[in-house]
């Protein structure tokens, strides 16, 4: 079984890998499974105007 259980995308603070590319690459490499993991540092996610561009649901 060919898997990767620790993939970060552009939605994680430590990656710029577009989600669509992750999926396309996994298909191209004939991967059986992938697991997308994200890290979220709220401090670094503000835009140039100091606005947090995501809705936080707790």
PDB file of N, CA and C in Angstrom:
ATOM      1  N   UNK A   1       0.849  -1.176   0.000  1.00  0.00           N
ATOM      2  CA  UNK A   1       0.000   0.000   0.000  1.00  0.00           C
ATOM      3  C   UNK A   1       0.892   1.236   0.000  1.00  0.00           C
ATOM      4  N   UNK A   2       0.665   2.127  -0.936  1.00  0.00           N
ATOM      5  CA  UNK A   2       1.472   3.333  -1.095  1.00  0.00           C
ATOM      6  C   UNK A   2       0.693   4.512  -0.503  1.00  0.00           C
ATOM      7  N   UNK A   3       1.159   5.056   0.625  1.00  0.00           N
ATOM      8  CA  UNK A   3       0.416   6.089   1.345  1.00  0.00           C
ATOM      9  C   UNK A   3       1.321   7.233   1.795  1.00  0.00           C
ATOM     10  N   UNK A   4       0.688   8.345   2.096  1.00  0.00           N
ATOM     11  CA  UNK A   4       1.357   9.456   2.772  1.00  0.00           C
ATOM     12  C   UNK A   4       0.334  10.034   3.737  1.00  0.00           C
ATOM     13  N   UNK A   5       0.599   9.882   5.027  1.00  0.00           N
ATOM     14  CA  UNK A   5      -0.342  10.316   6.046  1.00  0.00           C
ATOM     15  C   UNK A   5       0.047  11.640   6.696  1.00  0.00           C
ATOM     16  N   UNK A   6       0.859  12.425   6.018  1.00  0.00           N
ATOM     17  CA  UNK A   6       1.250  13.717   6.587  1.00  0.00           C
ATOM     18  C   UNK A   6       1.564  14.690   5.458  1.00  0.00           C
ATOM     19  N   UNK A   7       0.527  15.221   4.821  1.00  0.00           N
ATOM     20  CA  UNK A   7       0.677  16.147   3.699  1.00  0.00           C
ATOM     21  C   UNK A   7       0.149  17.514   4.112  1.00  0.00           C
ATOM     22  N   UNK A   8       0.943  18.546   3.902  1.00  0.00           N
ATOM     23  CA  UNK A   8       0.516  19.919   4.178  1.00  0.00           C
ATOM     24  C   UNK A   8       0.165  20.621   2.871  1.00  0.00           C
ATOM     25  N   UNK A   9      -0.840  21.472   2.916  1.00  0.00           N
ATOM     26  CA  UNK A   9      -1.243  22.248   1.743  1.00  0.00           C
ATOM     27  C   UNK A   9      -1.065  23.733   2.021  1.00  0.00           C
ATOM     28  N   UNK A  10      -1.447  24.530   1.052  1.00  0.00           N
ATOM     29  CA  UNK A  10      -1.363  25.984   1.176  1.00  0.00           C
ATOM     30  C   UNK A  10      -2.195  26.525   2.336  1.00  0.00           C
ATOM     31  N   UNK A  11      -3.101  25.718   2.871  1.00  0.00           N
ATOM     32  CA  UNK A  11      -3.925  26.149   3.995  1.00  0.00           C
ATOM     33  C   UNK A  11      -3.220  25.976   5.330  1.00  0.00           C
ATOM     34  N   UNK A  12      -2.020  25.426   5.293  1.00  0.00           N
ATOM     35  CA  UNK A  12      -1.194  25.266   6.483  1.00  0.00           C
ATOM     36  C   UNK A  12      -0.121  26.350   6.453  1.00  0.00           C
ATOM     37  N   UNK A  13       0.225  26.873   7.613  1.00  0.00           N
ATOM     38  CA  UNK A  13       1.199  27.963   7.676  1.00  0.00           C
ATOM     39  C   UNK A  13       2.586  27.587   7.176  1.00  0.00           C
ATOM     40  N   UNK A  14       2.891  26.307   7.122  1.00  0.00           N
ATOM     41  CA  UNK A  14       4.237  25.896   6.755  1.00  0.00           C
ATOM     42  C   UNK A  14       4.328  25.280   5.358  1.00  0.00           C
ATOM     43  N   UNK A  15       3.375  25.600   4.476  1.00  0.00           N
ATOM     44  CA  UNK A  15       3.375  25.018   3.138  1.00  0.00           C
ATOM     45  C   UNK A  15       2.775  25.977   2.117  1.00  0.00           C
ATOM     46  N   UNK A  16       3.184  25.805   0.880  1.00  0.00           N
ATOM     47  CA  UNK A  16       2.596  26.566  -0.229  1.00  0.00           C
ATOM     48  C   UNK A  16       2.052  25.617  -1.303  1.00  0.00           C
ATOM     49  N   UNK A  17       1.925  24.348  -0.981  1.00  0.00           N
ATOM     50  CA  UNK A  17       1.507  23.290  -1.890  1.00  0.00           C
ATOM     51  C   UNK A  17       0.001  23.372  -2.108  1.00  0.00           C
ATOM     52  N   UNK A  18      -0.466  23.763  -3.299  1.00  0.00           N
ATOM     53  CA  UNK A  18      -1.905  23.873  -3.541  1.00  0.00           C
ATOM     54  C   UNK A  18      -2.619  22.525  -3.379  1.00  0.00           C
ATOM     55  N   UNK A  19      -3.766  22.544  -2.739  1.00  0.00           N
ATOM     56  CA  UNK A  19      -4.532  21.326  -2.485  1.00  0.00           C
ATOM     57  C   UNK A  19      -4.794  20.559  -3.781  1.00  0.00           C
ATOM     58  N   UNK A  20      -5.176  21.263  -4.820  1.00  0.00           N
ATOM     59  CA  UNK A  20      -5.454  20.603  -6.096  1.00  0.00           C
ATOM     60  C   UNK A  20      -4.216  19.866  -6.619  1.00  0.00           C
ATOM     61  N   UNK A  21      -3.043  20.463  -6.441  1.00  0.00           N
ATOM     62  CA  UNK A  21      -1.800  19.813  -6.882  1.00  0.00           C
ATOM     63  C   UNK A  21      -1.485  18.582  -6.040  1.00  0.00           C
ATOM     64  N   UNK A  22      -1.780  18.646  -4.746  1.00  0.00           N
ATOM     65  CA  UNK A  22      -1.579  17.482  -3.875  1.00  0.00           C
ATOM     66  C   UNK A  22      -2.382  16.302  -4.419  1.00  0.00           C
ATOM     67  N   UNK A  23      -3.640  16.549  -4.735  1.00  0.00           N
ATOM     68  CA  UNK A  23      -4.517  15.488  -5.226  1.00  0.00           C
ATOM     69  C   UNK A  23      -4.049  14.975  -6.580  1.00  0.00           C
ATOM     70  N   UNK A  24      -3.729  15.892  -7.490  1.00  0.00           N
ATOM     71  CA  UNK A  24      -3.249  15.483  -8.812  1.00  0.00           C
ATOM     72  C   UNK A  24      -1.960  14.673  -8.707  1.00  0.00           C
ATOM     73  N   UNK A  25      -1.045  15.106  -7.844  1.00  0.00           N
ATOM     74  CA  UNK A  25       0.226  14.391  -7.677  1.00  0.00           C
ATOM     75  C   UNK A  25       0.001  13.007  -7.081  1.00  0.00           C
ATOM     76  N   UNK A  26      -0.911  12.906  -6.111  1.00  0.00           N
ATOM     77  CA  UNK A  26      -1.201  11.605  -5.504  1.00  0.00           C
ATOM     78  C   UNK A  26      -1.779  10.644  -6.544  1.00  0.00           C
ATOM     79  N   UNK A  27      -2.648  11.143  -7.397  1.00  0.00           N
ATOM     80  CA  UNK A  27      -3.215  10.314  -8.474  1.00  0.00           C
ATOM     81  C   UNK A  27      -2.118   9.915  -9.454  1.00  0.00           C
ATOM     82  N   UNK A  28      -1.286  10.873  -9.840  1.00  0.00           N
ATOM     83  CA  UNK A  28      -0.192  10.605 -10.788  1.00  0.00           C
ATOM     84  C   UNK A  28       0.778   9.561 -10.242  1.00  0.00           C
ATOM     85  N   UNK A  29       1.008   9.584  -8.930  1.00  0.00           N
ATOM     86  CA  UNK A  29       1.939   8.646  -8.306  1.00  0.00           C
ATOM     87  C   UNK A  29       1.261   7.336  -7.897  1.00  0.00           C
ATOM     88  N   UNK A  30      -0.013   7.170  -8.271  1.00  0.00           N
ATOM     89  CA  UNK A  30      -0.779   5.965  -7.944  1.00  0.00           C
ATOM     90  C   UNK A  30      -0.812   5.674  -6.446  1.00  0.00           C
ATOM     91  N   UNK A  31      -0.949   6.730  -5.662  1.00  0.00           N
ATOM     92  CA  UNK A  31      -1.023   6.542  -4.211  1.00  0.00           C
ATOM     93  C   UNK A  31      -2.376   5.940  -3.846  1.00  0.00           C
ATOM     94  N   UNK A  32      -2.361   5.074  -2.848  1.00  0.00           N
ATOM     95  CA  UNK A  32      -3.593   4.453  -2.381  1.00  0.00           C
ATOM     96  C   UNK A  32      -4.359   5.356  -1.430  1.00  0.00           C
ATOM     97  N   UNK A  33      -3.629   6.074  -0.583  1.00  0.00           N
ATOM     98  CA  UNK A  33      -4.262   6.959   0.396  1.00  0.00           C
ATOM     99  C   UNK A  33      -3.349   8.134   0.702  1.00  0.00           C
ATOM    100  N   UNK A  34      -3.983   9.271   1.014  1.00  0.00           N
ATOM    101  CA  UNK A  34      -3.248  10.419   1.548  1.00  0.00           C
ATOM    102  C   UNK A  34      -4.059  10.986   2.706  1.00  0.00           C
ATOM    103  N   UNK A  35      -3.376  11.667   3.594  1.00  0.00           N
ATOM    104  CA  UNK A  35      -4.041  12.347   4.702  1.00  0.00           C
ATOM    105  C   UNK A  35      -3.505  13.771   4.747  1.00  0.00           C
ATOM    106  N   UNK A  36      -4.393  14.730   4.641  1.00  0.00           N
ATOM    107  CA  UNK A  36      -4.002  16.130   4.626  1.00  0.00           C
ATOM    108  C   UNK A  36      -4.032  16.658   6.056  1.00  0.00           C
ATOM    109  N   UNK A  37      -2.907  17.160   6.489  1.00  0.00           N
ATOM    110  CA  UNK A  37      -2.723  17.657   7.846  1.00  0.00           C
ATOM    111  C   UNK A  37      -2.418  19.150   7.766  1.00  0.00           C
ATOM    112  N   UNK A  38      -2.980  19.936   8.646  1.00  0.00           N
ATOM    113  CA  UNK A  38      -2.708  21.365   8.628  1.00  0.00           C
ATOM    114  C   UNK A  38      -2.246  21.894   9.968  1.00  0.00           C
ATOM    115  N   UNK A  39      -1.399  22.888   9.904  1.00  0.00           N
ATOM    116  CA  UNK A  39      -0.999  23.646  11.076  1.00  0.00           C
ATOM    117  C   UNK A  39      -1.576  25.036  10.891  1.00  0.00           C
ATOM    118  N   UNK A  40      -2.101  25.609  11.937  1.00  0.00           N
ATOM    119  CA  UNK A  40      -2.703  26.934  11.806  1.00  0.00           C
ATOM    120  C   UNK A  40      -2.204  27.847  12.900  1.00  0.00           C
ATOM    121  N   UNK A  41      -1.414  28.812  12.510  1.00  0.00           N
ATOM    122  CA  UNK A  41      -0.921  29.824  13.429  1.00  0.00           C
ATOM    123  C   UNK A  41      -1.717  31.093  13.153  1.00  0.00           C
ATOM    124  N   UNK A  42      -2.637  31.419  14.028  1.00  0.00           N
ATOM    125  CA  UNK A  42      -3.534  32.557  13.785  1.00  0.00           C
ATOM    126  C   UNK A  42      -2.785  33.878  13.633  1.00  0.00           C
ATOM    127  N   UNK A  43      -1.654  34.007  14.248  1.00  0.00           N
ATOM    128  CA  UNK A  43      -0.903  35.256  14.181  1.00  0.00           C
ATOM    129  C   UNK A  43      -0.420  35.559  12.770  1.00  0.00           C
ATOM    130  N   UNK A  44      -0.040  34.553  12.012  1.00  0.00           N
ATOM    131  CA  UNK A  44       0.522  34.777  10.674  1.00  0.00           C
ATOM    132  C   UNK A  44      -0.530  34.842   9.580  1.00  0.00           C
ATOM    133  N   UNK A  45      -1.790  34.659   9.907  1.00  0.00           N
ATOM    134  CA  UNK A  45      -2.823  34.590   8.882  1.00  0.00           C
ATOM    135  C   UNK A  45      -3.562  35.906   8.627  1.00  0.00           C
ATOM    136  N   UNK A  46      -3.143  36.989   9.227  1.00  0.00           N
ATOM    137  CA  UNK A  46      -3.788  38.271   8.966  1.00  0.00           C
ATOM    138  C   UNK A  46      -3.318  38.827   7.633  1.00  0.00           C
ATOM    139  N   UNK A  47      -4.216  39.489   6.913  1.00  0.00           N
ATOM    140  CA  UNK A  47      -3.821  40.083   5.638  1.00  0.00           C
ATOM    141  C   UNK A  47      -3.115  41.417   5.863  1.00  0.00           C
ATOM    142  N   UNK A  48      -2.779  42.115   4.783  1.00  0.00           N
ATOM    143  CA  UNK A  48      -2.005  43.358   4.894  1.00  0.00           C
ATOM    144  C   UNK A  48      -2.747  44.477   5.617  1.00  0.00           C
ATOM    145  N   UNK A  49      -4.067  44.318   5.775  1.00  0.00           N
ATOM    146  CA  UNK A  49      -4.868  45.311   6.494  1.00  0.00           C
ATOM    147  C   UNK A  49      -5.142  44.906   7.939  1.00  0.00           C
ATOM    148  N   UNK A  50      -4.522  43.798   8.380  1.00  0.00           N
ATOM    149  CA  UNK A  50      -4.731  43.333   9.740  1.00  0.00           C
ATOM    150  C   UNK A  50      -6.031  42.584   9.948  1.00  0.00           C
ATOM    151  N   UNK A  51      -6.648  42.147   8.858  1.00  0.00           N
ATOM    152  CA  UNK A  51      -7.918  41.432   8.925  1.00  0.00           C
ATOM    153  C   UNK A  51      -7.657  39.933   8.826  1.00  0.00           C
ATOM    154  N   UNK A  52      -8.284  39.184   9.718  1.00  0.00           N
ATOM    155  CA  UNK A  52      -8.173  37.721   9.654  1.00  0.00           C
ATOM    156  C   UNK A  52      -9.190  37.216   8.613  1.00  0.00           C
ATOM    157  N   UNK A  53      -8.716  36.643   7.483  1.00  0.00           N
ATOM    158  CA  UNK A  53      -9.609  36.353   6.352  1.00  0.00           C
ATOM    159  C   UNK A  53     -10.390  35.045   6.425  1.00  0.00           C
ATOM    160  N   UNK A  54     -10.370  34.346   7.557  1.00  0.00           N
ATOM    161  CA  UNK A  54     -11.060  33.082   7.673  1.00  0.00           C
ATOM    162  C   UNK A  54     -12.082  33.139   8.804  1.00  0.00           C
ATOM    163  N   UNK A  55     -13.149  32.379   8.659  1.00  0.00           N
ATOM    164  CA  UNK A  55     -14.134  32.268   9.720  1.00  0.00           C
ATOM    165  C   UNK A  55     -13.672  31.195  10.708  1.00  0.00           C
ATOM    166  N   UNK A  56     -13.666  31.511  11.981  1.00  0.00           N
ATOM    167  CA  UNK A  56     -13.262  30.561  13.002  1.00  0.00           C
ATOM    168  C   UNK A  56     -14.521  29.925  13.582  1.00  0.00           C
ATOM    169  N   UNK A  57     -14.596  28.597  13.514  1.00  0.00           N
ATOM    170  CA  UNK A  57     -15.730  27.850  14.059  1.00  0.00           C
ATOM    171  C   UNK A  57     -15.202  26.976  15.172  1.00  0.00           C
ATOM    172  N   UNK A  58     -15.708  27.169  16.374  1.00  0.00           N
ATOM    173  CA  UNK A  58     -15.261  26.368  17.522  1.00  0.00           C
ATOM    174  C   UNK A  58     -16.394  25.577  18.096  1.00  0.00           C
TER     175      UNK A  58
END
